[in-house]
Amino acid sequence: MEQGRISVFLIDDHEIFRQGLVLLLGNQPDIEVIGQAGNGAEALKGVGEKHPDVVLLDLSLPDMNGLEVMTQIRKTAPGSKLLILTMHDNQKYVSYALSHGVSGYLLKDLPPDELFLAIRSVMQGDIYLSRRVNKLVIREYASLTRDHKYLTSLETLSAREREVFRLMADGYCGKDIAARLNISPKTVEHHRGRIMSKLDCENIAQVIKLALKEGVINP
């Protein structure tokens, strides 16, 4: 790969489509395709080895769900920007992808110039959505707001999980939480796992930071 060029990895099960992208992207002086795959297994192996700047991923793959591939790539190549390039404008797909850290969601009917713009935009740290996808996102947000269904992260917790969360943030260990709530340590660990997953926290420091931010505990 030439220094200063954006490295791109293509994942799509249609070879003729991939080859067309190779030609299109190859004509851009600052973009270089460094690999491609036609299924999920090849994609995970290739991206894991090459760690491209940008991954263009279709959601329709023959061996794996594209959303699953997306999630795995986020773990194995966290430095790669993920751009979904698909025909699916399903609201659930869009919401799932955006909530799991993709840098953009594009539809295959977009013009080549917009694809180039999207790749360059995400490399600058922006989120890029196709116009139709952007309308879906706005419509969903408006619906959630209107129906009062928009939830903060803590509101996704059950009543018992909120109790465990508060005690975790207060510094209680699993054994002490079990004693205070009159539940087993195993149940506490179950709640702890669900809490960390729902709040996207990796350690207790992040739990405390969130609790302070939400006013659950005082400094």
C-alpha atoms as a PDB file:
ATOM      1  CA  MET A   1       0.000   0.000   0.000  1.00  0.00           C
ATOM      2  CA  GLU A   2       1.313   3.423  -0.909  1.00  0.00           C
ATOM      3  CA  GLN A   3       1.832   5.793   1.997  1.00  0.00           C
ATOM      4  CA  GLY A   4      -0.974   8.291   2.452  1.00  0.00           C
ATOM      5  CA  ARG A   5      -3.569   6.304   0.510  1.00  0.00           C
ATOM      6  CA  ILE A   6      -6.776   5.036   2.118  1.00  0.00           C
ATOM      7  CA  SER A   7      -6.722   1.238   2.204  1.00  0.00           C
ATOM      8  CA  VAL A   8     -10.094  -0.404   1.501  1.00  0.00           C
ATOM      9  CA  PHE A   9     -11.292  -3.994   1.922  1.00  0.00           C
ATOM     10  CA  LEU A  10     -14.401  -5.105  -0.044  1.00  0.00           C
ATOM     11  CA  ILE A  11     -16.923  -7.665   1.236  1.00  0.00           C
ATOM     12  CA  ASP A  12     -19.707  -8.635  -1.170  1.00  0.00           C
ATOM     13  CA  ASP A  13     -20.904 -12.002  -2.462  1.00  0.00           C
ATOM     14  CA  HIS A  14     -21.229 -10.774  -6.071  1.00  0.00           C
ATOM     15  CA  GLU A  15     -17.819 -10.950  -7.724  1.00  0.00           C
ATOM     16  CA  ILE A  16     -18.814  -8.811 -10.701  1.00  0.00           C
ATOM     17  CA  PHE A  17     -19.917  -6.064  -8.299  1.00  0.00           C
ATOM     18  CA  ARG A  18     -16.645  -6.308  -6.373  1.00  0.00           C
ATOM     19  CA  GLN A  19     -14.595  -6.076  -9.550  1.00  0.00           C
ATOM     20  CA  GLY A  20     -16.551  -3.006 -10.592  1.00  0.00           C
ATOM     21  CA  LEU A  21     -15.724  -1.392  -7.257  1.00  0.00           C
ATOM     22  CA  VAL A  22     -12.056  -2.288  -7.668  1.00  0.00           C
ATOM     23  CA  LEU A  23     -11.991  -0.439 -10.985  1.00  0.00           C
ATOM     24  CA  LEU A  24     -13.909   2.570  -9.651  1.00  0.00           C
ATOM     25  CA  LEU A  25     -11.849   2.933  -6.503  1.00  0.00           C
ATOM     26  CA  GLY A  26      -8.602   2.204  -8.320  1.00  0.00           C
ATOM     27  CA  ASN A  27      -9.083   5.383 -10.356  1.00  0.00           C
ATOM     28  CA  GLN A  28      -8.965   7.506  -7.211  1.00  0.00           C
ATOM     29  CA  PRO A  29      -5.443   8.740  -6.421  1.00  0.00           C
ATOM     30  CA  ASP A  30      -5.933   8.531  -2.651  1.00  0.00           C
ATOM     31  CA  ILE A  31      -7.783   5.187  -2.401  1.00  0.00           C
ATOM     32  CA  GLU A  32      -6.424   1.655  -2.784  1.00  0.00           C
ATOM     33  CA  VAL A  33      -8.257  -1.693  -2.567  1.00  0.00           C
ATOM     34  CA  ILE A  34      -6.015  -4.066  -0.602  1.00  0.00           C
ATOM     35  CA  GLY A  35      -8.342  -7.067  -0.381  1.00  0.00           C
ATOM     36  CA  GLN A  36     -11.766  -8.505  -1.008  1.00  0.00           C
ATOM     37  CA  ALA A  37     -13.984 -11.370   0.128  1.00  0.00           C
ATOM     38  CA  GLY A  38     -17.163 -13.040  -1.055  1.00  0.00           C
ATOM     39  CA  ASN A  39     -18.319 -14.531   2.239  1.00  0.00           C
ATOM     40  CA  GLY A  40     -18.131 -13.956   5.966  1.00  0.00           C
ATOM     41  CA  ALA A  41     -15.358 -16.429   6.759  1.00  0.00           C
ATOM     42  CA  GLU A  42     -13.062 -14.981   4.090  1.00  0.00           C
ATOM     43  CA  ALA A  43     -13.951 -11.483   5.242  1.00  0.00           C
ATOM     44  CA  LEU A  44     -13.038 -12.050   8.880  1.00  0.00           C
ATOM     45  CA  LYS A  45      -9.760 -13.711   7.926  1.00  0.00           C
ATOM     46  CA  GLY A  46      -8.784 -11.027   5.399  1.00  0.00           C
ATOM     47  CA  VAL A  47      -9.716  -8.032   7.519  1.00  0.00           C
ATOM     48  CA  GLY A  48      -8.009  -9.577  10.546  1.00  0.00           C
ATOM     49  CA  GLU A  49      -4.787  -9.969   8.581  1.00  0.00           C
ATOM     50  CA  LYS A  50      -4.761  -6.687   6.649  1.00  0.00           C
ATOM     51  CA  HIS A  51      -6.426  -4.227   9.064  1.00  0.00           C
ATOM     52  CA  PRO A  52      -7.603  -1.839   6.318  1.00  0.00           C
ATOM     53  CA  ASP A  53      -8.532   1.779   6.930  1.00  0.00           C
ATOM     54  CA  VAL A  54     -12.058   1.205   5.585  1.00  0.00           C
ATOM     55  CA  VAL A  55     -14.196  -1.915   5.175  1.00  0.00           C
ATOM     56  CA  LEU A  56     -17.063  -1.832   2.653  1.00  0.00           C
ATOM     57  CA  LEU A  57     -19.510  -4.498   3.814  1.00  0.00           C
ATOM     58  CA  ASP A  58     -22.663  -5.856   2.211  1.00  0.00           C
ATOM     59  CA  LEU A  59     -25.214  -7.340   4.634  1.00  0.00           C
ATOM     60  CA  SER A  60     -26.218 -10.203   2.310  1.00  0.00           C
ATOM     61  CA  LEU A  61     -23.590 -12.933   2.568  1.00  0.00           C
ATOM     62  CA  PRO A  62     -23.980 -16.646   1.790  1.00  0.00           C
ATOM     63  CA  ASP A  63     -22.492 -18.139   4.964  1.00  0.00           C
ATOM     64  CA  MET A  64     -23.020 -15.571   7.721  1.00  0.00           C
ATOM     65  CA  ASN A  65     -25.377 -12.765   8.633  1.00  0.00           C
ATOM     66  CA  GLY A  66     -23.753  -9.513   7.556  1.00  0.00           C
ATOM     67  CA  LEU A  67     -24.634  -7.910  10.894  1.00  0.00           C
ATOM     68  CA  GLU A  68     -22.759 -10.709  12.662  1.00  0.00           C
ATOM     69  CA  VAL A  69     -19.736 -10.153  10.411  1.00  0.00           C
ATOM     70  CA  MET A  70     -19.921  -6.450  11.214  1.00  0.00           C
ATOM     71  CA  THR A  71     -19.899  -7.176  14.950  1.00  0.00           C
ATOM     72  CA  GLN A  72     -16.906  -9.531  14.645  1.00  0.00           C
ATOM     73  CA  ILE A  73     -14.921  -7.037  12.583  1.00  0.00           C
ATOM     74  CA  ARG A  74     -15.497  -4.397  15.246  1.00  0.00           C
ATOM     75  CA  LYS A  75     -13.728  -6.750  17.673  1.00  0.00           C
ATOM     76  CA  THR A  76     -10.894  -8.062  15.475  1.00  0.00           C
ATOM     77  CA  ALA A  77     -10.074  -4.806  13.644  1.00  0.00           C
ATOM     78  CA  PRO A  78     -11.339  -1.966  15.887  1.00  0.00           C
ATOM     79  CA  GLY A  79      -9.248   0.577  13.996  1.00  0.00           C
ATOM     80  CA  SER A  80     -11.000  -0.080  10.696  1.00  0.00           C
ATOM     81  CA  LYS A  81     -13.880   2.173   9.683  1.00  0.00           C
ATOM     82  CA  LEU A  82     -16.964   0.154   8.726  1.00  0.00           C
ATOM     83  CA  LEU A  83     -19.118   1.336   5.842  1.00  0.00           C
ATOM     84  CA  ILE A  84     -22.233  -0.711   5.134  1.00  0.00           C
ATOM     85  CA  LEU A  85     -22.910  -0.854   1.366  1.00  0.00           C
ATOM     86  CA  THR A  86     -26.150  -2.707   0.741  1.00  0.00           C
ATOM     87  CA  MET A  87     -29.571  -2.737  -0.894  1.00  0.00           C
ATOM     88  CA  HIS A  88     -31.291  -3.119   2.497  1.00  0.00           C
ATOM     89  CA  ASP A  89     -32.896   0.100   3.711  1.00  0.00           C
ATOM     90  CA  ASN A  90     -34.689  -1.733   6.529  1.00  0.00           C
ATOM     91  CA  GLN A  91     -34.982   0.484   9.616  1.00  0.00           C
ATOM     92  CA  LYS A  92     -33.973  -2.337  11.967  1.00  0.00           C
ATOM     93  CA  TYR A  93     -30.772  -2.999  10.006  1.00  0.00           C
ATOM     94  CA  VAL A  94     -29.900   0.700  10.012  1.00  0.00           C
ATOM     95  CA  SER A  95     -30.553   1.076  13.748  1.00  0.00           C
ATOM     96  CA  TYR A  96     -28.571  -2.043  14.634  1.00  0.00           C
ATOM     97  CA  ALA A  97     -25.615  -1.026  12.489  1.00  0.00           C
ATOM     98  CA  LEU A  98     -25.460   2.514  13.849  1.00  0.00           C
ATOM     99  CA  SER A  99     -25.831   1.350  17.445  1.00  0.00           C
ATOM    100  CA  HIS A 100     -22.888  -1.020  16.947  1.00  0.00           C
ATOM    101  CA  GLY A 101     -20.424   1.595  15.811  1.00  0.00           C
ATOM    102  CA  VAL A 102     -20.415   1.633  12.014  1.00  0.00           C
ATOM    103  CA  SER A 103     -19.085   4.790  10.401  1.00  0.00           C
ATOM    104  CA  GLY A 104     -21.646   4.889   7.627  1.00  0.00           C
ATOM    105  CA  TYR A 105     -24.595   3.212   5.941  1.00  0.00           C
ATOM    106  CA  LEU A 106     -24.836   3.451   2.154  1.00  0.00           C
ATOM    107  CA  LEU A 107     -27.307   2.088  -0.368  1.00  0.00           C
ATOM    108  CA  LYS A 108     -26.051   0.538  -3.588  1.00  0.00           C
ATOM    109  CA  ASP A 109     -27.972   2.927  -5.800  1.00  0.00           C
ATOM    110  CA  LEU A 110     -25.693   5.814  -4.799  1.00  0.00           C
ATOM    111  CA  PRO A 111     -23.516   7.474  -7.485  1.00  0.00           C
ATOM    112  CA  PRO A 112     -19.760   6.692  -7.497  1.00  0.00           C
ATOM    113  CA  ASP A 113     -18.812  10.211  -6.420  1.00  0.00           C
ATOM    114  CA  GLU A 114     -20.872   9.833  -3.263  1.00  0.00           C
ATOM    115  CA  LEU A 115     -19.099   6.565  -2.444  1.00  0.00           C
ATOM    116  CA  PHE A 116     -15.724   8.298  -2.751  1.00  0.00           C
ATOM    117  CA  LEU A 117     -16.986  11.132  -0.560  1.00  0.00           C
ATOM    118  CA  ALA A 118     -18.251   8.675   2.063  1.00  0.00           C
ATOM    119  CA  ILE A 119     -14.898   6.888   2.267  1.00  0.00           C
ATOM    120  CA  ARG A 120     -13.005  10.156   2.678  1.00  0.00           C
ATOM    121  CA  SER A 121     -15.537  11.482   5.186  1.00  0.00           C
ATOM    122  CA  VAL A 122     -15.331   8.513   7.551  1.00  0.00           C
ATOM    123  CA  MET A 123     -11.545   8.697   7.447  1.00  0.00           C
ATOM    124  CA  GLN A 124     -11.909  12.197   8.876  1.00  0.00           C
ATOM    125  CA  GLY A 125     -14.027  10.856  11.718  1.00  0.00           C
ATOM    126  CA  ASP A 126     -17.454  11.694  10.297  1.00  0.00           C
ATOM    127  CA  ILE A 127     -20.551   9.496  10.084  1.00  0.00           C
ATOM    128  CA  TYR A 128     -21.875   9.232   6.532  1.00  0.00           C
ATOM    129  CA  LEU A 129     -25.408   8.149   5.625  1.00  0.00           C
ATOM    130  CA  SER A 130     -27.049   7.877   2.234  1.00  0.00           C
ATOM    131  CA  ARG A 131     -29.814  10.455   1.832  1.00  0.00           C
ATOM    132  CA  ARG A 132     -32.580   7.848   2.068  1.00  0.00           C
ATOM    133  CA  VAL A 133     -30.976   6.271   5.130  1.00  0.00           C
ATOM    134  CA  ASN A 134     -30.649   9.673   6.766  1.00  0.00           C
ATOM    135  CA  LYS A 135     -34.404  10.197   6.314  1.00  0.00           C
ATOM    136  CA  LEU A 136     -35.058   6.844   8.013  1.00  0.00           C
ATOM    137  CA  VAL A 137     -32.929   7.826  10.990  1.00  0.00           C
ATOM    138  CA  ILE A 138     -34.667  11.189  11.350  1.00  0.00           C
ATOM    139  CA  ARG A 139     -38.090   9.557  11.041  1.00  0.00           C
ATOM    140  CA  GLU A 140     -37.277   6.995  13.727  1.00  0.00           C
ATOM    141  CA  TYR A 141     -35.950   9.643  16.114  1.00  0.00           C
ATOM    142  CA  ALA A 142     -39.041  11.773  15.584  1.00  0.00           C
ATOM    143  CA  SER A 143     -41.265   8.763  16.250  1.00  0.00           C
ATOM    144  CA  LEU A 144     -39.432   7.829  19.447  1.00  0.00           C
ATOM    145  CA  THR A 145     -39.596  11.389  20.704  1.00  0.00           C
ATOM    146  CA  ARG A 146     -43.264  11.783  19.839  1.00  0.00           C
ATOM    147  CA  ASP A 147     -44.238   8.522  21.524  1.00  0.00           C
ATOM    148  CA  HIS A 148     -41.985   9.162  24.537  1.00  0.00           C
ATOM    149  CA  LYS A 149     -40.206   5.851  23.964  1.00  0.00           C
ATOM    150  CA  TYR A 150     -36.684   7.210  23.785  1.00  0.00           C
ATOM    151  CA  LEU A 151     -34.754   5.625  26.659  1.00  0.00           C
ATOM    152  CA  THR A 152     -31.557   6.686  28.379  1.00  0.00           C
ATOM    153  CA  SER A 153     -29.056   3.907  28.937  1.00  0.00           C
ATOM    154  CA  LEU A 154     -30.126   3.436  32.563  1.00  0.00           C
ATOM    155  CA  GLU A 155     -33.790   3.167  31.585  1.00  0.00           C
ATOM    156  CA  THR A 156     -32.961  -0.028  29.709  1.00  0.00           C
ATOM    157  CA  LEU A 157     -32.199  -1.673  33.067  1.00  0.00           C
ATOM    158  CA  SER A 158     -34.796  -3.585  35.033  1.00  0.00           C
ATOM    159  CA  ALA A 159     -35.649  -2.463  38.573  1.00  0.00           C
ATOM    160  CA  ARG A 160     -33.386  -5.132  40.078  1.00  0.00           C
ATOM    161  CA  GLU A 161     -30.581  -4.301  37.672  1.00  0.00           C
ATOM    162  CA  ARG A 162     -30.770  -0.647  38.695  1.00  0.00           C
ATOM    163  CA  GLU A 163     -30.394  -1.679  42.339  1.00  0.00           C
ATOM    164  CA  VAL A 164     -27.334  -3.776  41.511  1.00  0.00           C
ATOM    165  CA  PHE A 165     -25.938  -0.985  39.341  1.00  0.00           C
ATOM    166  CA  ARG A 166     -26.212   1.558  42.177  1.00  0.00           C
ATOM    167  CA  LEU A 167     -24.482  -0.771  44.623  1.00  0.00           C
ATOM    168  CA  MET A 168     -21.749  -1.553  42.101  1.00  0.00           C
ATOM    169  CA  ALA A 169     -21.154   2.155  41.604  1.00  0.00           C
ATOM    170  CA  ASP A 170     -21.050   2.613  45.409  1.00  0.00           C
ATOM    171  CA  GLY A 171     -18.168   0.161  45.553  1.00  0.00           C
ATOM    172  CA  TYR A 172     -19.889  -2.930  46.932  1.00  0.00           C
ATOM    173  CA  CYS A 173     -18.464  -6.304  45.891  1.00  0.00           C
ATOM    174  CA  GLY A 174     -20.621  -9.111  44.559  1.00  0.00           C
ATOM    175  CA  LYS A 175     -20.862 -10.879  47.934  1.00  0.00           C
ATOM    176  CA  ASP A 176     -21.951  -7.695  49.727  1.00  0.00           C
ATOM    177  CA  ILE A 177     -24.512  -6.881  47.003  1.00  0.00           C
ATOM    178  CA  ALA A 178     -25.955 -10.378  47.376  1.00  0.00           C
ATOM    179  CA  ALA A 179     -26.283  -9.934  51.142  1.00  0.00           C
ATOM    180  CA  ARG A 180     -27.907  -6.489  50.897  1.00  0.00           C
ATOM    181  CA  LEU A 181     -30.441  -7.594  48.271  1.00  0.00           C
ATOM    182  CA  ASN A 182     -30.969 -11.051  49.750  1.00  0.00           C
ATOM    183  CA  ILE A 183     -30.068 -12.826  46.502  1.00  0.00           C
ATOM    184  CA  SER A 184     -27.331 -15.328  45.652  1.00  0.00           C
ATOM    185  CA  PRO A 185     -23.850 -14.245  44.463  1.00  0.00           C
ATOM    186  CA  LYS A 186     -24.517 -16.171  41.250  1.00  0.00           C
ATOM    187  CA  THR A 187     -27.619 -14.059  40.621  1.00  0.00           C
ATOM    188  CA  VAL A 188     -25.573 -10.925  41.259  1.00  0.00           C
ATOM    189  CA  GLU A 189     -23.045 -12.018  38.647  1.00  0.00           C
ATOM    190  CA  HIS A 190     -25.881 -12.632  36.183  1.00  0.00           C
ATOM    191  CA  HIS A 191     -27.232  -9.130  36.778  1.00  0.00           C
ATOM    192  CA  ARG A 192     -23.727  -7.651  36.582  1.00  0.00           C
ATOM    193  CA  GLY A 193     -23.139  -9.230  33.171  1.00  0.00           C
ATOM    194  CA  ARG A 194     -26.424  -7.906  31.791  1.00  0.00           C
ATOM    195  CA  ILE A 195     -25.759  -4.448  33.220  1.00  0.00           C
ATOM    196  CA  MET A 196     -22.285  -4.217  31.687  1.00  0.00           C
ATOM    197  CA  SER A 197     -23.666  -5.365  28.334  1.00  0.00           C
ATOM    198  CA  LYS A 198     -26.671  -3.027  28.303  1.00  0.00           C
ATOM    199  CA  LEU A 199     -24.626   0.000  29.355  1.00  0.00           C
ATOM    200  CA  ASP A 200     -21.656  -0.895  27.156  1.00  0.00           C
ATOM    201  CA  CYS A 201     -19.294  -0.707  30.132  1.00  0.00           C
ATOM    202  CA  GLU A 202     -16.091  -2.744  30.148  1.00  0.00           C
ATOM    203  CA  ASN A 203     -15.008  -2.168  33.751  1.00  0.00           C
ATOM    204  CA  ILE A 204     -16.138  -0.763  37.092  1.00  0.00           C
ATOM    205  CA  ALA A 205     -14.471   2.598  36.388  1.00  0.00           C
ATOM    206  CA  GLN A 206     -16.852   3.128  33.462  1.00  0.00           C
ATOM    207  CA  VAL A 207     -19.783   2.087  35.665  1.00  0.00           C
ATOM    208  CA  ILE A 208     -18.830   4.710  38.259  1.00  0.00           C
ATOM    209  CA  LYS A 209     -18.334   7.365  35.586  1.00  0.00           C
ATOM    210  CA  LEU A 210     -21.801   6.680  34.160  1.00  0.00           C
ATOM    211  CA  ALA A 211     -23.372   6.648  37.626  1.00  0.00           C
ATOM    212  CA  LEU A 212     -21.854  10.046  38.369  1.00  0.00           C
ATOM    213  CA  LYS A 213     -23.012  11.427  35.032  1.00  0.00           C
ATOM    214  CA  GLU A 214     -26.574  10.203  35.568  1.00  0.00           C
ATOM    215  CA  GLY A 215     -26.694  11.401  39.173  1.00  0.00           C
ATOM    216  CA  VAL A 216     -27.090   7.906  40.627  1.00  0.00           C
ATOM    217  CA  ILE A 217     -24.230   8.569  43.073  1.00  0.00           C
ATOM    218  CA  ASN A 218     -22.625  11.783  44.280  1.00  0.00           C
ATOM    219  CA  PRO A 219     -18.929  12.635  43.851  1.00  0.00           C
END
